Protein backbone atom coordinates (compact mmCIF):
# COMPACT_ATOMS: atom_id res chain seq x y z
CA MET A 1 0.06 0.05 -0.04
CA LYS A 2 1.26 3.41 -0.85
CA LYS A 3 1.86 5.83 1.96
CA ASN A 4 -1.31 8.09 1.20
CA ASP A 5 -3.62 5.31 0.20
CA MET A 6 -6.68 4.57 2.56
CA GLU A 7 -8.18 1.15 3.29
CA ASN A 8 -11.63 1.09 4.93
CA ASN A 9 -13.48 -1.67 6.65
CA MET A 10 -16.68 -1.74 8.72
CA GLY A 11 -17.19 -4.62 11.10
CA GLN A 12 -20.10 -5.40 13.34
CA TYR A 13 -19.00 -3.17 16.03
CA LEU A 14 -15.78 -1.35 14.71
CA LEU A 15 -14.94 0.93 11.87
CA THR A 16 -11.33 0.38 10.88
CA THR A 17 -9.23 2.49 8.34
CA ILE A 18 -5.51 2.38 7.43
CA GLU A 19 -4.07 5.61 6.04
CA ASP A 20 -0.49 6.89 5.89
CA ARG A 21 0.67 3.89 8.10
CA VAL A 22 -1.78 4.59 10.79
CA GLY A 23 -4.38 1.97 11.58
CA LYS A 24 -7.42 3.53 13.11
CA ILE A 25 -10.00 1.80 15.19
CA THR A 26 -13.29 3.44 15.89
CA PHE A 27 -15.70 2.03 18.43
CA ASN A 28 -18.75 2.33 16.32
CA THR A 29 -21.96 1.82 18.17
CA PRO A 30 -22.74 5.46 19.18
CA GLU A 31 -26.41 4.59 19.85
CA ASN A 32 -25.29 3.01 23.22
CA LEU A 33 -22.12 5.33 23.73
CA ASN A 34 -19.87 2.71 22.28
CA ALA A 35 -20.62 0.28 25.22
CA LEU A 36 -18.53 -2.93 25.29
CA THR A 37 -19.33 -6.56 25.34
CA PRO A 38 -17.47 -9.62 24.97
CA ASP A 39 -18.38 -9.66 21.23
CA VAL A 40 -17.04 -6.17 20.85
CA MET A 41 -13.81 -7.05 22.56
CA LYS A 42 -13.41 -10.26 20.43
CA GLU A 43 -13.63 -8.23 17.29
CA PHE A 44 -11.27 -5.61 18.80
CA MET A 45 -8.68 -8.25 19.57
CA ALA A 46 -8.95 -9.59 16.01
CA VAL A 47 -8.20 -6.01 14.55
CA LEU A 48 -5.11 -5.78 16.72
CA ASP A 49 -4.00 -9.01 15.47
CA GLU A 50 -4.32 -7.91 11.82
CA TYR A 51 -2.62 -4.54 12.50
CA GLU A 52 0.30 -6.20 14.23
CA GLU A 53 0.95 -8.50 11.21
CA ASN A 54 0.40 -5.64 8.63
CA PRO A 55 3.61 -3.91 7.65
CA ASP A 56 1.49 -1.04 6.41
CA VAL A 57 0.54 -0.33 9.95
CA ARG A 58 3.15 1.39 12.18
CA VAL A 59 0.76 2.97 14.68
CA VAL A 60 -2.75 2.39 15.99
CA LEU A 61 -5.10 5.17 16.71
CA ILE A 62 -8.25 4.39 18.77
CA THR A 63 -11.43 6.47 19.23
CA GLY A 64 -15.21 6.32 19.51
CA ALA A 65 -17.98 7.41 17.17
CA GLY A 66 -20.41 10.01 18.41
CA ARG A 67 -20.11 11.76 21.65
CA ALA A 68 -18.25 8.95 23.56
CA PHE A 69 -15.11 7.02 23.56
CA SER A 70 -16.64 4.11 25.28
CA ALA A 71 -19.22 3.89 28.14
CA GLY A 72 -17.78 0.63 29.27
CA GLY A 73 -19.92 -2.55 29.71
CA SER A 74 -23.36 -2.35 28.13
CA TYR A 75 -26.45 -2.38 30.61
CA ASP A 76 -27.72 -5.69 29.04
CA PHE A 77 -24.45 -7.23 29.51
CA LEU A 78 -24.20 -6.12 33.15
CA LYS A 79 -27.62 -7.77 33.79
CA GLU A 80 -26.43 -10.93 32.08
CA MET A 81 -23.81 -11.24 34.46
CA PHE A 82 -26.36 -11.72 37.46
CA ASP A 83 -26.52 -15.26 36.89
CA ALA A 84 -23.05 -16.09 35.62
CA THR A 85 -20.92 -18.51 37.42
CA PRO A 86 -17.30 -17.67 38.42
CA THR A 87 -16.13 -20.08 35.81
CA GLN A 88 -18.25 -18.43 33.24
CA ILE A 89 -16.96 -14.94 34.12
CA LYS A 90 -13.39 -16.08 34.04
CA ASN A 91 -13.52 -18.15 30.81
CA THR A 92 -15.94 -16.18 28.77
CA VAL A 93 -16.19 -12.50 29.95
CA TYR A 94 -12.63 -11.80 31.01
CA LYS A 95 -11.12 -13.85 28.21
CA TYR A 96 -12.17 -10.92 25.91
CA PHE A 97 -12.20 -7.93 28.29
CA ALA A 98 -9.04 -8.62 30.11
CA GLY A 99 -7.68 -10.18 26.97
CA GLY A 100 -8.34 -7.15 24.90
CA VAL A 101 -6.90 -4.67 27.20
CA LYS A 102 -3.93 -6.74 27.81
CA ARG A 103 -3.59 -7.16 24.02
CA LEU A 104 -3.65 -3.45 23.69
CA LYS A 105 -1.15 -2.80 26.46
CA LEU A 106 1.40 -5.25 25.19
CA PHE A 107 0.84 -4.28 21.52
CA PRO A 108 4.42 -3.82 19.97
CA LYS A 109 3.48 -0.73 17.85
CA PRO A 110 2.76 2.69 19.22
CA THR A 111 -0.99 3.40 20.32
CA VAL A 112 -2.72 6.70 20.59
CA ALA A 113 -6.32 7.20 22.13
CA ALA A 114 -8.29 10.11 20.88
CA VAL A 115 -10.69 10.48 23.94
CA ASN A 116 -13.63 12.39 22.53
CA GLY A 117 -16.11 11.93 25.52
CA PRO A 118 -16.81 9.49 28.36
CA ALA A 119 -14.37 6.64 28.95
CA ALA A 120 -15.80 4.67 31.71
CA GLY A 121 -15.19 1.28 33.20
CA ALA A 122 -13.69 -0.84 30.49
CA GLY A 123 -13.53 1.96 28.18
CA CYS A 124 -11.28 4.00 30.66
CA GLU A 125 -9.07 0.85 31.03
CA ALA A 126 -8.51 0.71 27.20
CA ALA A 127 -7.78 4.36 27.02
CA ILE A 128 -5.07 4.24 29.78
CA ALA A 129 -3.63 1.21 28.19
CA CYS A 130 -2.56 3.15 25.06
CA ASP A 131 0.77 4.90 24.88
CA PHE A 132 -0.56 8.35 24.35
CA ARG A 133 -3.95 9.95 25.06
CA VAL A 134 -5.19 13.16 23.24
CA VAL A 135 -8.24 14.56 24.91
CA CYS A 136 -10.78 17.50 24.62
CA LYS A 137 -12.62 19.17 27.41
CA GLU A 138 -15.50 16.85 27.01
CA ALA A 139 -13.25 13.69 27.62
CA LEU A 140 -14.21 11.93 31.03
CA PHE A 141 -12.12 9.34 32.62
CA SER A 142 -14.29 7.38 35.02
CA GLU A 143 -13.43 4.26 36.88
CA VAL A 144 -16.98 3.28 37.88
CA TRP A 145 -16.29 -0.25 39.22
CA ALA A 146 -16.70 0.38 42.94
CA LYS A 147 -20.15 1.96 42.41
CA LEU A 148 -21.13 -1.56 40.96
CA GLY A 149 -19.70 -3.31 43.99
CA LEU A 150 -16.64 -4.35 41.92
CA ILE A 151 -12.93 -3.80 41.53
CA CYS A 152 -11.06 -2.52 38.55
CA PRO A 153 -9.76 -5.85 36.95
CA LEU A 154 -8.35 -4.74 33.69
CA GLY A 155 -5.02 -3.19 34.66
CA GLY A 156 -6.00 0.10 36.04
CA MET A 157 -5.09 -0.74 39.68
CA PHE A 158 -1.46 -1.17 38.44
CA LEU A 159 -1.47 1.61 35.75
CA LEU A 160 -3.23 4.49 37.26
CA PRO A 161 -0.90 5.00 40.32
CA ARG A 162 1.97 5.00 37.92
CA LEU A 163 0.26 7.48 35.85
CA VAL A 164 -1.27 9.97 38.28
CA GLY A 165 0.07 8.91 41.67
CA LEU A 166 -1.35 6.72 44.51
CA ALA A 167 -3.49 9.36 46.06
CA LYS A 168 -5.33 10.39 42.83
CA ALA A 169 -5.60 6.77 41.72
CA THR A 170 -7.07 5.89 45.09
CA GLU A 171 -9.66 8.71 44.60
CA MET A 172 -10.52 7.58 41.19
CA LEU A 173 -10.82 3.78 41.98
CA MET A 174 -12.40 3.94 45.54
CA LEU A 175 -14.64 7.03 45.13
CA GLY A 176 -15.28 6.65 41.38
CA THR A 177 -14.12 10.32 40.99
CA PRO A 178 -14.22 11.15 37.25
CA VAL A 179 -11.38 13.17 35.64
CA ALA A 180 -12.18 15.55 32.77
CA GLY A 181 -9.92 16.35 29.93
CA GLU A 182 -8.46 19.55 31.26
CA GLU A 183 -7.65 17.93 34.61
CA ALA A 184 -6.39 14.86 32.96
CA VAL A 185 -3.62 16.84 31.10
CA LYS A 186 -2.65 18.42 34.33
CA ILE A 187 -2.23 15.29 36.29
CA GLY A 188 -0.38 13.35 33.66
CA LEU A 189 -3.37 11.08 32.60
CA ALA A 190 -3.38 12.74 29.08
CA ASN A 191 -0.69 14.17 26.87
CA GLU A 192 -2.51 16.90 25.00
CA LEU A 193 -5.74 18.99 25.24
CA VAL A 194 -7.39 20.32 22.20
CA GLU A 195 -10.78 21.56 21.17
CA LYS A 196 -13.17 18.72 20.25
CA GLU A 197 -13.40 19.85 16.56
CA ASN A 198 -9.69 19.46 16.32
CA LEU A 199 -9.36 16.21 18.30
CA GLN A 200 -9.08 13.70 15.41
CA ASP A 201 -6.66 15.89 13.47
CA ALA A 202 -4.49 16.40 16.60
CA ALA A 203 -4.44 12.55 17.32
CA MET A 204 -3.69 11.80 13.72
CA LYS A 205 -0.88 14.38 13.62
CA LEU A 206 0.71 12.54 16.74
CA ALA A 207 0.13 9.21 15.09
CA LEU A 208 1.96 10.41 12.09
CA ARG A 209 4.96 11.69 14.00
CA LEU A 210 5.13 8.26 15.54
CA ALA A 211 4.70 6.59 12.15
CA GLU A 212 7.77 8.46 10.81
CA GLY A 213 9.92 7.00 13.65
CA ALA A 214 12.14 4.01 13.75
CA PRO A 215 9.62 1.08 14.24
CA LEU A 216 12.26 -1.22 15.93
CA ALA A 217 13.37 1.48 18.39
CA LEU A 218 9.90 2.45 19.25
CA SER A 219 8.80 -1.02 20.01
CA THR A 220 11.96 -1.63 22.13
CA ILE A 221 11.23 1.64 24.01
CA LYS A 222 7.63 0.42 24.62
CA GLU A 223 8.80 -2.86 26.07
CA GLY A 224 11.64 -1.09 28.01
CA LEU A 225 9.00 1.27 29.67
CA ARG A 226 6.78 -1.58 30.54
CA ARG A 227 9.70 -3.57 31.90
CA GLY A 228 10.76 -0.74 33.88
CA MET A 229 7.44 -0.55 35.87
CA GLU A 230 7.94 -4.08 37.02
CA SER A 231 11.64 -4.75 37.20
CA THR A 232 14.84 -3.38 38.82
CA LEU A 233 17.38 -0.80 37.66
CA ALA A 234 20.10 -3.26 37.59
CA ALA A 235 18.02 -5.77 35.54
CA GLU A 236 17.08 -3.08 33.16
CA TRP A 237 20.62 -1.87 32.58
CA GLU A 238 21.59 -5.43 31.41
CA TYR A 239 18.43 -5.60 29.27
CA ASN A 240 18.96 -2.18 27.70
CA VAL A 241 22.59 -2.96 26.63
CA PHE A 242 21.40 -6.28 25.00
CA ALA A 243 18.59 -4.22 23.28
CA GLN A 244 20.77 -1.51 22.16
CA ALA A 245 23.24 -3.98 20.58
CA THR A 246 20.42 -5.47 18.63
CA LEU A 247 19.31 -2.04 17.40
CA ILE A 248 22.75 -0.92 16.37
CA SER A 249 22.99 -4.03 14.16
CA SER A 250 19.83 -2.83 12.31
CA GLU A 251 19.60 -1.21 8.97
CA ASP A 252 17.46 1.54 10.69
CA TYR A 253 20.45 2.55 12.84
CA LYS A 254 22.52 3.00 9.78
CA GLU A 255 19.75 5.10 8.05
CA GLY A 256 19.41 7.20 11.31
CA ALA A 257 23.14 7.94 11.65
CA ASN A 258 23.54 8.75 7.99
CA ALA A 259 20.39 11.09 8.06
CA VAL A 260 21.92 12.84 11.04
CA MET A 261 25.34 13.30 9.42
CA GLU A 262 23.62 14.32 6.08
CA LYS A 263 21.16 16.61 7.67
CA ARG A 264 18.09 15.04 6.12
CA SER A 265 15.08 13.22 7.36
CA PRO A 266 15.46 9.46 7.83
CA ASN A 267 13.43 6.93 6.04
CA PHE A 268 13.24 3.97 8.51
CA LYS A 269 12.09 0.56 7.16
CA GLY A 270 11.81 -1.31 10.41
CA GLN A 271 14.65 -3.66 9.39
């Protein structure tokens, strides 16, 4: 696919497009605020699998259709859980909910969330699993689990304290205190605040910047940042030396070094 070509596909729950090496996923059920179900998350995981294998996709951009990013689990789905057994919940529900968010967090290519409105429950978890979050004032991060008598099971209890600090994370998780777009940027939950009419363009601009980067290096940085949250400095020094040696042997390193010396923009191939 040429750099500027666009490929569109509409699934049952998602709208996907590939343009300029950016694979976009839009939660596309605005009539219910893009509420999530196991079927939605199953389709979401399948698209991520396709994007990982597609060399024309270097960055993934996620957003929601209409006025919400995602309102989290649908009301019908929440009612279905009344009679579910623990085994059913584990093997069916969280196979896709936890699996989808985990797949997103561990995705080897850069990810950007364009949070255009409410991101609640599992929708919030998906947003904070991305590498970058671009928001508008109407964005609203809401961990509503405690209000349902539940915990936040999709990674938020691990990620939020590392993003916003323990005190704010405790407030969000135990009290269900929502965080709007402007505050999200101030506390480090989001990277950039723009007007709603400019949100998609701003998120795409960031995604395009990432798409111009060195794919191998960006993937290694992602892994290093994740490992750094879970590991020790001594262990990461050893890992980073090994990773750097691998990158120095790549064609991208030669291209990057030559581009710097020749005062031109690099053309990274991911090789």
